[in-house]
Amino acid sequence: MIRFRCCLESGVSLTETLVGLSLVGLLAGFTLSVVHAWQVRFKALEIPQALTADIVYVQGMAIRQGRSVGLVLELPDPKGYRICIDTNGDGLSRSDIQKGWDVCPGPEIRLERSPWIQAVELRWGAHRMIICNSWGLCTSARTCWVVLPIRERGCLVWNGTTSQTRWERSLVP
């Protein structure tokens, strides 16, 4: 039998050493894939938390300012949204935003917080906006996205009248 020079004292053969190294490699590969899937799931949970926080922020802003404030999807990126404010007193609308009568002062906020989180389907109620009025009542919305590496779909359902959120997860076929 062929033996390693360094392993003469212990009596470990080349075959045993290679088998041991391959088992260590297999275990390391399995562990890394599990850790990566856990990390992707954890990062995917940041989307509904951040989105809920932004909706609550807009709701408070509308109450404080006494006017309509909302999250407007697709200005200009379909995977992002902006916080927009009604400045002319007739409610927040896309046509007023395009004319410059309603403003979106802040930067665009993207749903994709990490490069491996891919939001591929987004749906937000009428006119693709969540609008809160001066009383704090908001339009209802359902926002969905798909996490491709783990083939999961997540949806955040926002009830505008009760300010309740529901988080749903399902596998993508």
Protein backbone atom coordinates (compact mmCIF):
# COMPACT_ATOMS: atom_id res chain seq x y z
CA MET A 1 0.00 0.00 0.00
CA ILE A 2 1.08 3.53 -0.70
CA ARG A 3 1.34 5.68 2.39
CA PHE A 4 1.96 9.38 2.88
CA ARG A 5 5.35 10.12 4.30
CA CYS A 6 3.80 12.46 6.89
CA CYS A 7 1.27 9.86 7.93
CA LEU A 8 3.62 6.92 8.57
CA GLU A 9 3.26 7.19 12.32
CA SER A 10 -0.54 7.22 12.31
CA GLY A 11 -0.94 4.52 9.69
CA VAL A 12 -3.44 6.40 7.47
CA SER A 13 -3.40 5.36 3.82
CA LEU A 14 -3.82 7.61 0.81
CA THR A 15 -7.26 6.12 0.12
CA GLU A 16 -8.47 6.80 3.64
CA THR A 17 -7.15 10.37 3.47
CA LEU A 18 -8.89 11.04 0.14
CA VAL A 19 -12.17 9.57 1.40
CA GLY A 20 -11.95 11.73 4.52
CA LEU A 21 -11.23 14.88 2.47
CA SER A 22 -14.10 14.15 0.08
CA LEU A 23 -16.51 13.74 3.01
CA VAL A 24 -15.33 17.05 4.46
CA GLY A 25 -15.83 18.67 1.03
CA LEU A 26 -19.35 17.26 0.69
CA LEU A 27 -20.28 18.43 4.17
CA ALA A 28 -18.87 21.91 3.51
CA GLY A 29 -20.79 22.17 0.21
CA PHE A 30 -24.05 21.11 1.85
CA THR A 31 -23.52 23.53 4.73
CA LEU A 32 -22.79 26.44 2.38
CA SER A 33 -25.94 25.79 0.33
CA VAL A 34 -28.09 25.67 3.47
CA VAL A 35 -26.52 28.87 4.81
CA HIS A 36 -27.05 30.61 1.45
CA ALA A 37 -30.73 29.58 1.29
CA TRP A 38 -31.25 30.79 4.88
CA GLN A 39 -29.57 34.11 4.03
CA VAL A 40 -31.76 34.60 0.93
CA ARG A 41 -34.92 33.87 2.95
CA PHE A 42 -33.83 36.27 5.69
CA LYS A 43 -33.12 39.04 3.15
CA ALA A 44 -36.47 38.36 1.45
CA LEU A 45 -38.22 39.07 4.76
CA GLU A 46 -36.73 42.58 4.70
CA ILE A 47 -39.02 43.52 1.79
CA PRO A 48 -42.37 43.32 3.65
CA GLN A 49 -40.85 44.93 6.74
CA ALA A 50 -39.47 47.88 4.78
CA LEU A 51 -42.64 48.22 2.71
CA THR A 52 -44.87 48.17 5.80
CA ALA A 53 -42.64 50.77 7.45
CA ASP A 54 -42.90 53.02 4.39
CA ILE A 55 -46.71 52.71 4.32
CA VAL A 56 -46.95 53.60 8.01
CA TYR A 57 -44.55 56.52 7.43
CA VAL A 58 -46.72 57.81 4.56
CA GLN A 59 -49.84 57.41 6.70
CA GLY A 60 -48.30 59.50 9.50
CA MET A 61 -47.04 62.07 7.02
CA ALA A 62 -50.56 62.46 5.57
CA ILE A 63 -52.04 63.00 9.05
CA ARG A 64 -49.33 65.50 10.05
CA GLN A 65 -49.56 67.52 6.82
CA GLY A 66 -53.34 67.28 6.44
CA ARG A 67 -53.19 66.22 2.77
CA SER A 68 -52.95 63.13 0.59
CA VAL A 69 -49.60 61.38 0.53
CA GLY A 70 -48.87 58.10 -1.18
CA LEU A 71 -46.51 55.48 -2.49
CA VAL A 72 -46.52 55.54 -6.27
CA LEU A 73 -45.24 52.48 -8.12
CA GLU A 74 -43.35 52.65 -11.43
CA LEU A 75 -41.90 56.14 -11.42
CA PRO A 76 -39.83 55.43 -13.57
CA ASP A 77 -38.68 51.91 -12.59
CA PRO A 78 -41.27 49.09 -12.40
CA LYS A 79 -39.49 47.59 -9.38
CA GLY A 80 -39.41 50.75 -7.33
CA TYR A 81 -41.73 53.33 -5.81
CA ARG A 82 -41.62 56.92 -4.66
CA ILE A 83 -43.30 58.87 -1.90
CA CYS A 84 -45.44 61.57 -3.50
CA ILE A 85 -47.37 64.48 -1.96
CA ASP A 86 -50.55 66.22 -3.13
CA THR A 87 -49.74 69.92 -3.40
CA ASN A 88 -52.85 71.32 -5.09
CA GLY A 89 -55.50 69.92 -2.72
CA ASP A 90 -57.43 67.73 -5.16
CA GLY A 91 -55.90 64.39 -4.15
CA LEU A 92 -52.89 62.53 -5.43
CA SER A 93 -53.08 61.44 -9.06
CA ARG A 94 -50.70 60.29 -11.76
CA SER A 95 -51.79 63.02 -14.15
CA ASP A 96 -51.00 65.71 -11.55
CA ILE A 97 -47.60 64.09 -10.93
CA GLN A 98 -46.83 64.14 -14.67
CA LYS A 99 -47.90 67.79 -14.91
CA GLY A 100 -45.80 68.71 -11.89
CA TRP A 101 -48.73 69.74 -9.69
CA ASP A 102 -48.16 66.86 -7.24
CA VAL A 103 -44.53 66.27 -6.26
CA CYS A 104 -42.37 63.27 -5.42
CA PRO A 105 -39.54 64.93 -3.49
CA GLY A 106 -37.52 61.93 -2.29
CA PRO A 107 -35.42 59.39 -4.14
CA GLU A 108 -36.83 56.21 -5.61
CA ILE A 109 -37.10 53.28 -3.19
CA ARG A 110 -36.44 49.87 -4.70
CA LEU A 111 -38.09 46.67 -3.56
CA GLU A 112 -34.95 44.75 -4.48
CA ARG A 113 -32.79 45.41 -1.44
CA SER A 114 -30.21 42.77 -2.40
CA PRO A 115 -29.01 41.58 -5.81
CA TRP A 116 -30.37 38.04 -5.27
CA ILE A 117 -33.87 39.22 -4.35
CA GLN A 118 -35.77 39.69 -7.60
CA ALA A 119 -39.21 41.25 -7.53
CA VAL A 120 -40.82 40.09 -10.74
CA GLU A 121 -44.51 40.77 -10.20
CA LEU A 122 -45.92 43.81 -8.46
CA ARG A 123 -49.57 44.73 -7.99
CA TRP A 124 -50.79 47.66 -5.92
CA GLY A 125 -54.50 48.39 -6.08
CA ALA A 126 -56.01 51.02 -8.34
CA HIS A 127 -53.60 53.05 -10.44
CA ARG A 128 -50.66 51.22 -8.84
CA MET A 129 -50.60 53.56 -5.83
CA ILE A 130 -51.21 53.40 -2.08
CA ILE A 131 -52.73 56.74 -1.12
CA CYS A 132 -53.37 57.90 2.46
CA ASN A 133 -55.62 60.87 3.13
CA SER A 134 -55.50 63.47 5.91
CA TRP A 135 -57.55 61.20 8.24
CA GLY A 136 -55.01 58.39 7.93
CA LEU A 137 -57.22 56.16 5.80
CA CYS A 138 -55.35 54.47 2.98
CA THR A 139 -56.25 52.50 -0.10
CA SER A 140 -55.83 48.74 0.22
CA ALA A 141 -53.03 47.06 -1.66
CA ARG A 142 -51.45 43.72 -2.41
CA THR A 143 -47.78 43.67 -3.37
CA CYS A 144 -46.21 40.45 -4.60
CA TRP A 145 -42.69 39.47 -5.58
CA VAL A 146 -40.82 36.28 -6.36
CA VAL A 147 -37.53 35.16 -4.83
CA LEU A 148 -36.03 33.17 -7.70
CA PRO A 149 -33.16 31.24 -6.08
CA ILE A 150 -35.49 29.51 -3.61
CA ARG A 151 -38.59 29.69 -5.89
CA GLU A 152 -40.84 31.34 -3.31
CA ARG A 153 -43.46 34.00 -3.84
CA GLY A 154 -44.21 36.48 -1.11
CA CYS A 155 -47.16 38.84 -0.86
CA LEU A 156 -47.82 41.68 1.54
CA VAL A 157 -51.53 42.44 1.84
CA TRP A 158 -52.30 45.88 3.29
CA ASN A 159 -55.84 46.67 4.44
CA GLY A 160 -56.14 50.43 4.13
CA THR A 161 -59.10 50.97 6.44
CA THR A 162 -57.81 48.93 9.39
CA SER A 163 -54.06 49.37 8.74
CA GLN A 164 -53.62 45.62 9.17
CA THR A 165 -51.00 43.73 7.21
CA ARG A 166 -50.90 40.07 6.28
CA TRP A 167 -47.81 38.32 4.95
CA GLU A 168 -48.25 35.30 2.68
CA ARG A 169 -45.60 32.96 1.32
CA SER A 170 -46.02 30.20 -1.23
CA LEU A 171 -43.87 28.08 -3.53
CA VAL A 172 -43.65 28.99 -7.21
CA PRO A 173 -44.52 26.04 -9.49
